[in-house]
Amino acid sequence: MGNIEPSFNRQISVLKEQGAPQEIIEIYSHAKPDFFVCKDEYSRYIYSDFSIANASGYQKPEHLLGLDPNFINAPLVECADLFITEDKITFNTKKNYYTMGDFQHADSRHQTIYSKKIVYDSRLKKNILVLVGYEMNHSLMETLVSLLQSSFKHKFLFKKNKVHYTSYSIVDYELENPLTKQETICLFYLLRGKTG
């Protein structure tokens, strides 16, 4: 879409303008994610950063607010039911939900890993879902898929509009061969884009 990536401080300002309370601002500040959005129990967007808005086909984050994934203006809309189902699982179990996938957004194709968790919103006085996402390169995604293959609870493949989507959900996974402390540290840095 040709948008210049907003600065970290601008992203914080936008979340504050949307009414995000301090606990949400702190989650964003500590995570420093590539993608960030908060949803209500009906999967409607409450707070959004520029990245999620642009990936969903909207110029500004406020254009996305109040909508659910069925209103994504990108091929990714084919996965709306999947995203809503994941949100429901997260709300019903109150457990963190991790997923990774390869999706065609409005701005480009992204390989991403997401964490969804339930957080109490002091402004709305109810629980909301917080999604934090990080972009990965293709080789990192392939490495993680290979590493966690036996741990996936679901694997989804979408073949519409000549675009393939895969989403691997990782829910309360236990590896057959648990990672060593050093491997866990390496994985931590890999997920944050470090290479050496």
N, C-alpha and C. Protein backbone atom coordinates (compact mmCIF):
# COMPACT_ATOMS: atom_id res chain seq x y z
N MET A 1 0.81 -1.19 0.00
CA MET A 1 0.00 0.00 0.00
C MET A 1 0.86 1.26 0.00
N GLY A 2 2.15 1.08 0.17
CA GLY A 2 3.04 2.23 0.11
C GLY A 2 3.08 3.04 1.39
N ASN A 3 2.51 2.53 2.48
CA ASN A 3 2.52 3.28 3.73
C ASN A 3 3.89 3.20 4.38
N ILE A 4 4.33 4.29 4.97
CA ILE A 4 5.57 4.28 5.73
C ILE A 4 5.26 3.69 7.10
N GLU A 5 6.12 2.79 7.55
CA GLU A 5 5.90 2.14 8.84
C GLU A 5 5.91 3.18 9.95
N PRO A 6 4.82 3.28 10.72
CA PRO A 6 4.76 4.26 11.81
C PRO A 6 5.79 3.94 12.89
N SER A 7 6.27 4.96 13.56
CA SER A 7 7.24 4.77 14.63
C SER A 7 6.55 4.09 15.82
N PHE A 8 7.38 3.53 16.69
CA PHE A 8 6.87 2.89 17.89
C PHE A 8 6.02 3.87 18.70
N ASN A 9 6.51 5.11 18.87
CA ASN A 9 5.77 6.11 19.64
C ASN A 9 4.43 6.45 18.98
N ARG A 10 4.40 6.48 17.65
CA ARG A 10 3.15 6.76 16.93
C ARG A 10 2.15 5.62 17.16
N GLN A 11 2.66 4.38 17.16
CA GLN A 11 1.77 3.24 17.41
C GLN A 11 1.15 3.35 18.81
N ILE A 12 1.98 3.71 19.79
CA ILE A 12 1.49 3.88 21.16
C ILE A 12 0.44 4.99 21.21
N SER A 13 0.69 6.09 20.53
CA SER A 13 -0.26 7.21 20.50
C SER A 13 -1.60 6.78 19.92
N VAL A 14 -1.56 6.00 18.85
CA VAL A 14 -2.80 5.54 18.22
C VAL A 14 -3.59 4.63 19.16
N LEU A 15 -2.90 3.74 19.85
CA LEU A 15 -3.59 2.87 20.80
C LEU A 15 -4.23 3.70 21.92
N LYS A 16 -3.52 4.72 22.39
CA LYS A 16 -4.08 5.60 23.43
C LYS A 16 -5.30 6.37 22.89
N GLU A 17 -5.21 6.84 21.64
CA GLU A 17 -6.34 7.55 21.02
C GLU A 17 -7.57 6.65 20.93
N GLN A 18 -7.35 5.36 20.75
CA GLN A 18 -8.46 4.40 20.67
C GLN A 18 -9.03 4.07 22.04
N GLY A 19 -8.37 4.57 23.10
CA GLY A 19 -8.86 4.34 24.45
C GLY A 19 -8.24 3.16 25.16
N ALA A 20 -7.17 2.60 24.60
CA ALA A 20 -6.52 1.44 25.23
C ALA A 20 -6.02 1.82 26.61
N PRO A 21 -6.37 1.03 27.64
CA PRO A 21 -5.91 1.34 29.00
C PRO A 21 -4.42 1.01 29.16
N GLN A 22 -3.88 1.41 30.29
CA GLN A 22 -2.44 1.27 30.54
C GLN A 22 -1.96 -0.18 30.42
N GLU A 23 -2.77 -1.14 30.89
CA GLU A 23 -2.31 -2.54 30.83
C GLU A 23 -2.11 -3.01 29.38
N ILE A 24 -2.91 -2.51 28.46
CA ILE A 24 -2.76 -2.87 27.04
C ILE A 24 -1.54 -2.16 26.46
N ILE A 25 -1.34 -0.90 26.81
CA ILE A 25 -0.17 -0.15 26.36
C ILE A 25 1.11 -0.84 26.84
N GLU A 26 1.10 -1.33 28.08
CA GLU A 26 2.27 -2.01 28.62
C GLU A 26 2.56 -3.32 27.88
N ILE A 27 1.52 -4.06 27.55
CA ILE A 27 1.71 -5.30 26.78
C ILE A 27 2.36 -4.97 25.45
N TYR A 28 1.84 -3.96 24.77
CA TYR A 28 2.41 -3.56 23.48
C TYR A 28 3.87 -3.11 23.64
N SER A 29 4.12 -2.30 24.66
CA SER A 29 5.47 -1.75 24.88
C SER A 29 6.49 -2.84 25.16
N HIS A 30 6.11 -3.83 25.96
CA HIS A 30 7.03 -4.91 26.30
C HIS A 30 7.22 -5.88 25.13
N ALA A 31 6.15 -6.14 24.38
CA ALA A 31 6.23 -7.12 23.29
C ALA A 31 6.91 -6.58 22.05
N LYS A 32 6.71 -5.28 21.78
CA LYS A 32 7.22 -4.66 20.54
C LYS A 32 6.92 -5.56 19.33
N PRO A 33 5.64 -5.86 19.11
CA PRO A 33 5.27 -6.82 18.06
C PRO A 33 5.27 -6.21 16.66
N ASP A 34 5.28 -7.10 15.68
CA ASP A 34 5.08 -6.67 14.29
C ASP A 34 3.61 -6.46 14.02
N PHE A 35 2.75 -7.21 14.71
CA PHE A 35 1.29 -7.12 14.55
C PHE A 35 0.66 -7.12 15.94
N PHE A 36 -0.35 -6.25 16.13
CA PHE A 36 -0.99 -6.17 17.44
C PHE A 36 -2.45 -5.77 17.25
N VAL A 37 -3.33 -6.52 17.90
CA VAL A 37 -4.76 -6.20 17.86
C VAL A 37 -5.42 -6.78 19.11
N CYS A 38 -6.48 -6.14 19.57
CA CYS A 38 -7.29 -6.65 20.67
C CYS A 38 -8.71 -6.81 20.17
N LYS A 39 -9.36 -7.90 20.64
CA LYS A 39 -10.73 -8.20 20.20
C LYS A 39 -11.62 -8.48 21.39
N ASP A 40 -12.93 -8.32 21.16
CA ASP A 40 -13.90 -8.67 22.19
C ASP A 40 -14.31 -10.13 22.03
N GLU A 41 -15.27 -10.58 22.83
CA GLU A 41 -15.69 -11.99 22.80
C GLU A 41 -16.37 -12.38 21.49
N TYR A 42 -16.72 -11.40 20.65
CA TYR A 42 -17.33 -11.68 19.34
C TYR A 42 -16.33 -11.51 18.20
N SER A 43 -15.05 -11.44 18.55
CA SER A 43 -13.95 -11.28 17.59
C SER A 43 -13.95 -9.91 16.90
N ARG A 44 -14.65 -8.94 17.46
CA ARG A 44 -14.63 -7.59 16.90
C ARG A 44 -13.40 -6.86 17.40
N TYR A 45 -12.77 -6.11 16.50
CA TYR A 45 -11.55 -5.38 16.83
C TYR A 45 -11.85 -4.20 17.74
N ILE A 46 -11.11 -4.12 18.85
CA ILE A 46 -11.28 -3.05 19.83
C ILE A 46 -10.14 -2.04 19.71
N TYR A 47 -8.90 -2.55 19.68
CA TYR A 47 -7.70 -1.73 19.53
C TYR A 47 -6.86 -2.37 18.43
N SER A 48 -6.24 -1.53 17.61
CA SER A 48 -5.44 -2.06 16.50
C SER A 48 -4.24 -1.16 16.22
N ASP A 49 -3.14 -1.78 15.83
CA ASP A 49 -2.00 -0.99 15.37
C ASP A 49 -2.09 -0.83 13.85
N PHE A 50 -1.18 -0.09 13.28
CA PHE A 50 -1.17 0.15 11.84
C PHE A 50 -0.93 -1.13 11.05
N SER A 51 -0.07 -2.01 11.57
CA SER A 51 0.29 -3.22 10.82
C SER A 51 -0.91 -4.12 10.56
N ILE A 52 -1.71 -4.35 11.58
CA ILE A 52 -2.91 -5.19 11.40
C ILE A 52 -3.89 -4.50 10.47
N ALA A 53 -4.06 -3.20 10.64
CA ALA A 53 -4.99 -2.46 9.77
C ALA A 53 -4.55 -2.55 8.31
N ASN A 54 -3.28 -2.29 8.03
CA ASN A 54 -2.78 -2.34 6.65
C ASN A 54 -2.85 -3.75 6.09
N ALA A 55 -2.50 -4.75 6.89
CA ALA A 55 -2.56 -6.14 6.44
C ALA A 55 -3.99 -6.55 6.13
N SER A 56 -4.95 -5.92 6.83
CA SER A 56 -6.37 -6.23 6.64
C SER A 56 -7.02 -5.41 5.54
N GLY A 57 -6.25 -4.50 4.93
CA GLY A 57 -6.76 -3.73 3.81
C GLY A 57 -7.33 -2.37 4.17
N TYR A 58 -6.95 -1.84 5.33
CA TYR A 58 -7.45 -0.54 5.79
C TYR A 58 -6.30 0.45 5.92
N GLN A 59 -6.55 1.70 5.56
CA GLN A 59 -5.52 2.73 5.62
C GLN A 59 -5.15 3.11 7.05
N LYS A 60 -6.16 3.15 7.92
CA LYS A 60 -5.95 3.59 9.30
C LYS A 60 -6.52 2.57 10.27
N PRO A 61 -5.90 2.43 11.45
CA PRO A 61 -6.39 1.47 12.43
C PRO A 61 -7.85 1.70 12.83
N GLU A 62 -8.26 2.96 12.94
CA GLU A 62 -9.64 3.22 13.38
C GLU A 62 -10.69 2.71 12.39
N HIS A 63 -10.31 2.49 11.13
CA HIS A 63 -11.25 1.96 10.14
C HIS A 63 -11.59 0.50 10.41
N LEU A 64 -10.73 -0.18 11.15
CA LEU A 64 -10.91 -1.60 11.45
C LEU A 64 -11.76 -1.82 12.70
N LEU A 65 -11.78 -0.82 13.59
CA LEU A 65 -12.44 -0.99 14.88
C LEU A 65 -13.94 -1.27 14.74
N GLY A 66 -14.41 -2.21 15.54
CA GLY A 66 -15.82 -2.60 15.51
C GLY A 66 -16.13 -3.70 14.52
N LEU A 67 -15.20 -4.01 13.63
CA LEU A 67 -15.40 -5.06 12.63
C LEU A 67 -14.85 -6.38 13.16
N ASP A 68 -15.23 -7.49 12.49
CA ASP A 68 -14.64 -8.78 12.82
C ASP A 68 -13.88 -9.29 11.59
N PRO A 69 -13.21 -10.43 11.66
CA PRO A 69 -12.40 -10.91 10.53
C PRO A 69 -13.16 -11.10 9.22
N ASN A 70 -14.48 -11.18 9.25
CA ASN A 70 -15.25 -11.31 8.02
C ASN A 70 -15.17 -10.06 7.14
N PHE A 71 -14.65 -8.95 7.71
CA PHE A 71 -14.57 -7.70 6.97
C PHE A 71 -13.15 -7.37 6.51
N ILE A 72 -12.26 -8.36 6.55
CA ILE A 72 -10.89 -8.15 6.06
C ILE A 72 -10.95 -7.92 4.55
N ASN A 73 -10.29 -6.86 4.08
CA ASN A 73 -10.25 -6.54 2.65
C ASN A 73 -8.99 -7.11 2.02
N ALA A 74 -8.82 -8.42 2.09
CA ALA A 74 -7.64 -9.09 1.57
C ALA A 74 -7.99 -10.57 1.39
N PRO A 75 -7.20 -11.31 0.60
CA PRO A 75 -7.47 -12.74 0.43
C PRO A 75 -7.54 -13.49 1.76
N LEU A 76 -6.89 -12.94 2.78
CA LEU A 76 -6.90 -13.52 4.11
C LEU A 76 -8.32 -13.69 4.68
N VAL A 77 -9.30 -13.00 4.12
CA VAL A 77 -10.68 -13.09 4.60
C VAL A 77 -11.20 -14.53 4.51
N GLU A 78 -10.61 -15.33 3.62
CA GLU A 78 -11.00 -16.73 3.50
C GLU A 78 -10.80 -17.48 4.81
N CYS A 79 -9.93 -16.98 5.67
CA CYS A 79 -9.61 -17.64 6.92
C CYS A 79 -10.40 -17.06 8.10
N ALA A 80 -11.37 -16.21 7.84
CA ALA A 80 -12.10 -15.53 8.91
C ALA A 80 -12.69 -16.52 9.91
N ASP A 81 -13.33 -17.58 9.42
CA ASP A 81 -13.93 -18.55 10.33
C ASP A 81 -12.89 -19.22 11.22
N LEU A 82 -11.72 -19.49 10.65
CA LEU A 82 -10.63 -20.07 11.43
C LEU A 82 -10.21 -19.13 12.56
N PHE A 83 -10.02 -17.85 12.24
CA PHE A 83 -9.59 -16.89 13.25
C PHE A 83 -10.64 -16.75 14.36
N ILE A 84 -11.91 -16.72 13.98
CA ILE A 84 -12.98 -16.61 14.96
C ILE A 84 -13.03 -17.84 15.85
N THR A 85 -12.82 -19.02 15.27
CA THR A 85 -12.78 -20.26 16.04
C THR A 85 -11.62 -20.24 17.04
N GLU A 86 -10.45 -19.79 16.59
CA GLU A 86 -9.30 -19.69 17.50
C GLU A 86 -9.60 -18.72 18.65
N ASP A 87 -10.24 -17.61 18.34
CA ASP A 87 -10.60 -16.64 19.38
C ASP A 87 -11.54 -17.28 20.40
N LYS A 88 -12.53 -18.04 19.92
CA LYS A 88 -13.49 -18.70 20.83
C LYS A 88 -12.79 -19.70 21.73
N ILE A 89 -11.86 -20.47 21.16
CA ILE A 89 -11.10 -21.43 21.96
C ILE A 89 -10.34 -20.70 23.06
N THR A 90 -9.72 -19.59 22.71
CA THR A 90 -8.95 -18.81 23.69
C THR A 90 -9.85 -18.28 24.79
N PHE A 91 -11.01 -17.74 24.43
CA PHE A 91 -11.94 -17.23 25.43
C PHE A 91 -12.48 -18.35 26.31
N ASN A 92 -12.83 -19.50 25.70
CA ASN A 92 -13.45 -20.59 26.46
C ASN A 92 -12.47 -21.28 27.40
N THR A 93 -11.23 -21.44 26.96
CA THR A 93 -10.25 -22.17 27.79
C THR A 93 -9.48 -21.25 28.72
N LYS A 94 -9.43 -19.94 28.39
CA LYS A 94 -8.64 -18.96 29.15
C LYS A 94 -7.15 -19.32 29.12
N LYS A 95 -6.75 -20.13 28.14
CA LYS A 95 -5.35 -20.51 27.98
C LYS A 95 -4.77 -19.77 26.79
N ASN A 96 -3.47 -19.49 26.85
CA ASN A 96 -2.82 -18.87 25.70
C ASN A 96 -2.91 -19.80 24.50
N TYR A 97 -3.08 -19.20 23.33
CA TYR A 97 -3.22 -19.96 22.09
C TYR A 97 -2.13 -19.47 21.14
N TYR A 98 -1.34 -20.39 20.62
CA TYR A 98 -0.25 -20.03 19.73
C TYR A 98 -0.52 -20.63 18.36
N THR A 99 -0.28 -19.84 17.34
CA THR A 99 -0.49 -20.33 15.98
C THR A 99 0.54 -19.68 15.06
N MET A 100 0.86 -20.39 14.00
CA MET A 100 1.72 -19.79 12.99
C MET A 100 1.20 -20.19 11.63
N GLY A 101 1.44 -19.32 10.65
CA GLY A 101 0.93 -19.61 9.33
C GLY A 101 1.52 -18.71 8.27
N ASP A 102 1.13 -19.01 7.06
CA ASP A 102 1.60 -18.30 5.87
C ASP A 102 0.35 -17.75 5.19
N PHE A 103 0.16 -16.44 5.25
CA PHE A 103 -1.08 -15.83 4.80
C PHE A 103 -0.85 -14.68 3.84
N GLN A 104 -1.77 -14.54 2.87
CA GLN A 104 -1.73 -13.42 1.94
C GLN A 104 -2.57 -12.28 2.52
N HIS A 105 -1.89 -11.26 3.01
CA HIS A 105 -2.56 -10.07 3.53
C HIS A 105 -2.80 -9.09 2.38
N ALA A 106 -3.34 -7.94 2.69
CA ALA A 106 -3.59 -6.92 1.66
C ALA A 106 -2.30 -6.32 1.16
N ASP A 107 -1.31 -6.15 2.07
CA ASP A 107 -0.07 -5.49 1.67
C ASP A 107 0.96 -6.44 1.07
N SER A 108 1.01 -7.68 1.55
CA SER A 108 1.93 -8.68 1.01
C SER A 108 1.68 -10.01 1.71
N ARG A 109 2.49 -11.00 1.35
CA ARG A 109 2.37 -12.30 2.00
C ARG A 109 3.25 -12.28 3.26
N HIS A 110 2.72 -12.81 4.36
CA HIS A 110 3.45 -12.81 5.62
C HIS A 110 3.46 -14.20 6.22
N GLN A 111 4.63 -14.62 6.68
CA GLN A 111 4.74 -15.81 7.53
C GLN A 111 4.84 -15.28 8.95
N THR A 112 3.90 -15.70 9.78
CA THR A 112 3.80 -15.10 11.11
C THR A 112 3.58 -16.15 12.19
N ILE A 113 3.98 -15.78 13.39
CA ILE A 113 3.65 -16.57 14.57
C ILE A 113 2.90 -15.64 15.52
N TYR A 114 1.79 -16.15 16.06
CA TYR A 114 0.91 -15.33 16.90
C TYR A 114 0.71 -15.96 18.26
N SER A 115 0.53 -15.11 19.24
CA SER A 115 0.10 -15.52 20.57
C SER A 115 -1.22 -14.81 20.85
N LYS A 116 -2.20 -15.57 21.31
CA LYS A 116 -3.48 -14.98 21.71
C LYS A 116 -3.66 -15.29 23.19
N LYS A 117 -4.03 -14.27 23.96
CA LYS A 117 -4.29 -14.50 25.37
C LYS A 117 -5.40 -13.59 25.85
N ILE A 118 -6.00 -13.97 26.96
CA ILE A 118 -7.09 -13.20 27.55
C ILE A 118 -6.52 -12.27 28.62
N VAL A 119 -6.93 -11.01 28.55
CA VAL A 119 -6.47 -9.97 29.48
C VAL A 119 -7.69 -9.19 29.95
N TYR A 120 -7.68 -8.78 31.20
CA TYR A 120 -8.77 -7.94 31.71
C TYR A 120 -8.52 -6.50 31.29
N ASP A 121 -9.52 -5.88 30.68
CA ASP A 121 -9.45 -4.49 30.23
C ASP A 121 -10.16 -3.63 31.27
N SER A 122 -9.38 -2.79 31.97
CA SER A 122 -9.95 -1.97 33.05
C SER A 122 -10.89 -0.89 32.54
N ARG A 123 -10.73 -0.45 31.30
CA ARG A 123 -11.62 0.57 30.75
C ARG A 123 -12.97 -0.03 30.40
N LEU A 124 -12.94 -1.19 29.72
CA LEU A 124 -14.19 -1.85 29.31
C LEU A 124 -14.79 -2.69 30.43
N LYS A 125 -13.98 -2.97 31.46
CA LYS A 125 -14.40 -3.78 32.61
C LYS A 125 -14.84 -5.18 32.18
N LYS A 126 -14.05 -5.78 31.29
CA LYS A 126 -14.30 -7.15 30.87
C LYS A 126 -13.03 -7.73 30.25
N ASN A 127 -13.04 -9.04 30.08
CA ASN A 127 -11.91 -9.70 29.44
C ASN A 127 -11.92 -9.45 27.95
N ILE A 128 -10.74 -9.28 27.39
CA ILE A 128 -10.59 -9.14 25.94
C ILE A 128 -9.45 -10.06 25.49
N LEU A 129 -9.40 -10.29 24.20
CA LEU A 129 -8.33 -11.10 23.62
C LEU A 129 -7.24 -10.18 23.07
N VAL A 130 -6.00 -10.46 23.42
CA VAL A 130 -4.85 -9.69 22.92
C VAL A 130 -4.05 -10.60 21.99
N LEU A 131 -3.88 -10.16 20.75
CA LEU A 131 -3.10 -10.91 19.76
C LEU A 131 -1.79 -10.16 19.52
N VAL A 132 -0.69 -10.86 19.70
CA VAL A 132 0.64 -10.32 19.46
C VAL A 132 1.29 -11.20 18.40
N GLY A 133 1.77 -10.58 17.32
CA GLY A 133 2.34 -11.36 16.23
C GLY A 133 3.71 -10.89 15.80
N TYR A 134 4.50 -11.85 15.32
CA TYR A 134 5.84 -11.56 14.82
C TYR A 134 6.01 -12.18 13.45
N GLU A 135 6.63 -11.43 12.57
CA GLU A 135 6.89 -11.91 11.23
C GLU A 135 8.13 -12.80 11.24
N MET A 136 8.07 -13.87 10.45
CA MET A 136 9.19 -14.80 10.31
C MET A 136 9.60 -14.87 8.86
N ASN A 137 10.82 -15.32 8.61
CA ASN A 137 11.19 -15.61 7.23
C ASN A 137 10.82 -17.06 6.92
N HIS A 138 10.85 -17.40 5.64
CA HIS A 138 10.39 -18.72 5.21
C HIS A 138 11.20 -19.86 5.86
N SER A 139 12.51 -19.71 5.93
CA SER A 139 13.34 -20.80 6.47
C SER A 139 13.08 -21.01 7.96
N LEU A 140 12.84 -19.92 8.70
CA LEU A 140 12.52 -20.06 10.12
C LEU A 140 11.20 -20.77 10.30
N MET A 141 10.21 -20.41 9.48
CA MET A 141 8.92 -21.08 9.59
C MET A 141 9.06 -22.57 9.30
N GLU A 142 9.81 -22.91 8.27
CA GLU A 142 10.02 -24.33 7.93
C GLU A 142 10.71 -25.06 9.07
N THR A 143 11.67 -24.40 9.73
CA THR A 143 12.37 -25.01 10.86
C THR A 143 11.41 -25.28 12.00
N LEU A 144 10.57 -24.30 12.32
CA LEU A 144 9.60 -24.47 13.41
C LEU A 144 8.56 -25.53 13.08
N VAL A 145 8.10 -25.56 11.82
CA VAL A 145 7.13 -26.59 11.41
C VAL A 145 7.75 -27.97 11.59
N SER A 146 8.99 -28.11 11.19
CA SER A 146 9.69 -29.38 11.31
C SER A 146 9.87 -29.77 12.78
N LEU A 147 10.27 -28.81 13.59
CA LEU A 147 10.53 -29.04 15.00
C LEU A 147 9.27 -29.43 15.76
N LEU A 148 8.16 -28.76 15.45
CA LEU A 148 6.93 -28.93 16.22
C LEU A 148 5.89 -29.81 15.53
N GLN A 149 6.25 -30.44 14.42
CA GLN A 149 5.30 -31.18 13.60
C GLN A 149 4.41 -32.12 14.41
N SER A 150 5.01 -32.89 15.32
CA SER A 150 4.23 -33.87 16.07
C SER A 150 3.37 -33.23 17.15
N SER A 151 3.57 -31.93 17.39
CA SER A 151 2.84 -31.25 18.46
C SER A 151 1.61 -30.48 17.99
N PHE A 152 1.44 -30.38 16.67
CA PHE A 152 0.32 -29.58 16.17
C PHE A 152 -1.01 -30.26 16.45
N LYS A 153 -1.94 -29.47 16.98
CA LYS A 153 -3.29 -29.99 17.21
C LYS A 153 -4.11 -29.91 15.93
N HIS A 154 -3.83 -28.91 15.10
CA HIS A 154 -4.59 -28.71 13.86
C HIS A 154 -3.65 -28.22 12.77
N LYS A 155 -3.96 -28.59 11.56
CA LYS A 155 -3.26 -28.01 10.41
C LYS A 155 -4.34 -27.71 9.39
N PHE A 156 -4.43 -26.47 8.97
CA PHE A 156 -5.46 -26.05 8.03
C PHE A 156 -4.81 -25.68 6.71
N LEU A 157 -5.44 -26.07 5.63
CA LEU A 157 -4.96 -25.71 4.30
C LEU A 157 -6.13 -25.12 3.53
N PHE A 158 -5.94 -23.92 3.02
CA PHE A 158 -6.97 -23.24 2.24
C PHE A 158 -6.50 -23.15 0.80
N LYS A 159 -7.37 -23.52 -0.14
CA LYS A 159 -7.01 -23.45 -1.56
C LYS A 159 -8.10 -22.69 -2.29
N LYS A 160 -8.12 -21.41 -2.13
CA LYS A 160 -9.11 -20.59 -2.84
C LYS A 160 -8.37 -19.46 -3.53
N ASN A 161 -8.94 -18.97 -4.59
CA ASN A 161 -8.35 -17.85 -5.31
C ASN A 161 -6.88 -18.09 -5.66
N LYS A 162 -6.53 -19.34 -5.90
CA LYS A 162 -5.17 -19.73 -6.29
C LYS A 162 -4.13 -19.36 -5.22
N VAL A 163 -4.57 -19.24 -3.98
CA VAL A 163 -3.64 -18.93 -2.89
C VAL A 163 -3.73 -20.04 -1.86
N HIS A 164 -2.59 -20.51 -1.39
CA HIS A 164 -2.57 -21.57 -0.37
C HIS A 164 -2.28 -20.95 1.00
N TYR A 165 -3.02 -21.38 2.00
CA TYR A 165 -2.82 -20.92 3.36
C TYR A 165 -2.58 -22.13 4.24
N THR A 166 -1.67 -22.03 5.12
CA THR A 166 -1.52 -23.07 6.14
C THR A 166 -1.48 -22.39 7.49
N SER A 167 -2.15 -22.96 8.45
CA SER A 167 -2.12 -22.44 9.81
C SER A 167 -1.89 -23.62 10.73
N TYR A 168 -0.87 -23.54 11.53
CA TYR A 168 -0.55 -24.58 12.47
C TYR A 168 -0.83 -24.06 13.86
N SER A 169 -1.76 -24.66 14.55
CA SER A 169 -2.04 -24.19 15.91
C SER A 169 -1.25 -25.04 16.89
N ILE A 170 -0.75 -24.39 17.90
CA ILE A 170 0.07 -25.04 18.92
C ILE A 170 -0.62 -24.76 20.24
N VAL A 171 -1.29 -25.75 20.79
CA VAL A 171 -2.05 -25.54 22.01
C VAL A 171 -1.51 -26.48 23.09
N ASP A 172 -1.00 -25.91 24.17
CA ASP A 172 -0.49 -26.72 25.28
C ASP A 172 0.38 -27.86 24.79
N TYR A 173 1.29 -27.55 23.90
CA TYR A 173 2.06 -28.63 23.29
C TYR A 173 3.17 -29.13 24.20
N GLU A 174 3.47 -30.40 24.04
CA GLU A 174 4.62 -31.00 24.69
C GLU A 174 5.39 -31.71 23.60
N LEU A 175 6.66 -31.44 23.49
CA LEU A 175 7.48 -32.09 22.48
C LEU A 175 7.81 -33.50 22.91
N GLU A 176 7.90 -34.42 21.93
CA GLU A 176 8.31 -35.78 22.25
C GLU A 176 9.71 -35.77 22.84
N ASN A 177 10.58 -34.92 22.28
CA ASN A 177 11.93 -34.73 22.79
C ASN A 177 12.04 -33.27 23.22
N PRO A 178 11.76 -32.97 24.49
CA PRO A 178 11.77 -31.57 24.93
C PRO A 178 13.08 -30.86 24.60
N LEU A 179 12.98 -29.57 24.34
CA LEU A 179 14.16 -28.78 24.02
C LEU A 179 15.05 -28.62 25.25
N THR A 180 16.35 -28.61 25.00
CA THR A 180 17.29 -28.32 26.09
C THR A 180 17.20 -26.83 26.40
N LYS A 181 17.82 -26.43 27.50
CA LYS A 181 17.82 -25.02 27.88
C LYS A 181 18.46 -24.18 26.76
N GLN A 182 19.59 -24.65 26.20
CA GLN A 182 20.28 -23.92 25.14
C GLN A 182 19.41 -23.83 23.88
N GLU A 183 18.71 -24.92 23.53
CA GLU A 183 17.84 -24.91 22.36
C GLU A 183 16.68 -23.93 22.56
N THR A 184 16.16 -23.87 23.78
CA THR A 184 15.07 -22.94 24.09
C THR A 184 15.55 -21.50 23.93
N ILE A 185 16.77 -21.22 24.39
CA ILE A 185 17.34 -19.87 24.25
C ILE A 185 17.51 -19.53 22.77
N CYS A 186 18.02 -20.49 21.99
CA CYS A 186 18.21 -20.28 20.55
C CYS A 186 16.87 -19.99 19.87
N LEU A 187 15.83 -20.77 20.23
CA LEU A 187 14.51 -20.57 19.64
C LEU A 187 13.97 -19.20 20.00
N PHE A 188 14.18 -18.77 21.25
CA PHE A 188 13.75 -17.44 21.69
C PHE A 188 14.32 -16.36 20.79
N TYR A 189 15.62 -16.43 20.51
CA TYR A 189 16.26 -15.41 19.68
C TYR A 189 15.90 -15.54 18.21
N LEU A 190 15.72 -16.78 17.74
CA LEU A 190 15.31 -17.00 16.34
C LEU A 190 13.98 -16.32 16.07
N LEU A 191 13.03 -16.48 17.02
CA LEU A 191 11.70 -15.90 16.85
C LEU A 191 11.73 -14.38 16.82
N ARG A 192 12.81 -13.81 17.32
CA ARG A 192 12.95 -12.35 17.31
C ARG A 192 13.86 -11.87 16.19
N GLY A 193 14.14 -12.76 15.23
CA GLY A 193 14.87 -12.36 14.02
C GLY A 193 16.38 -12.38 14.15
N LYS A 194 16.91 -12.87 15.26
CA LYS A 194 18.36 -12.94 15.43
C LYS A 194 18.89 -14.15 14.66
N THR A 195 20.08 -14.01 14.09
CA THR A 195 20.63 -15.10 13.28
C THR A 195 21.93 -15.67 13.81
N GLY A 196 22.70 -14.97 14.56
CA GLY A 196 23.98 -15.52 14.98
C GLY A 196 24.31 -15.11 16.33
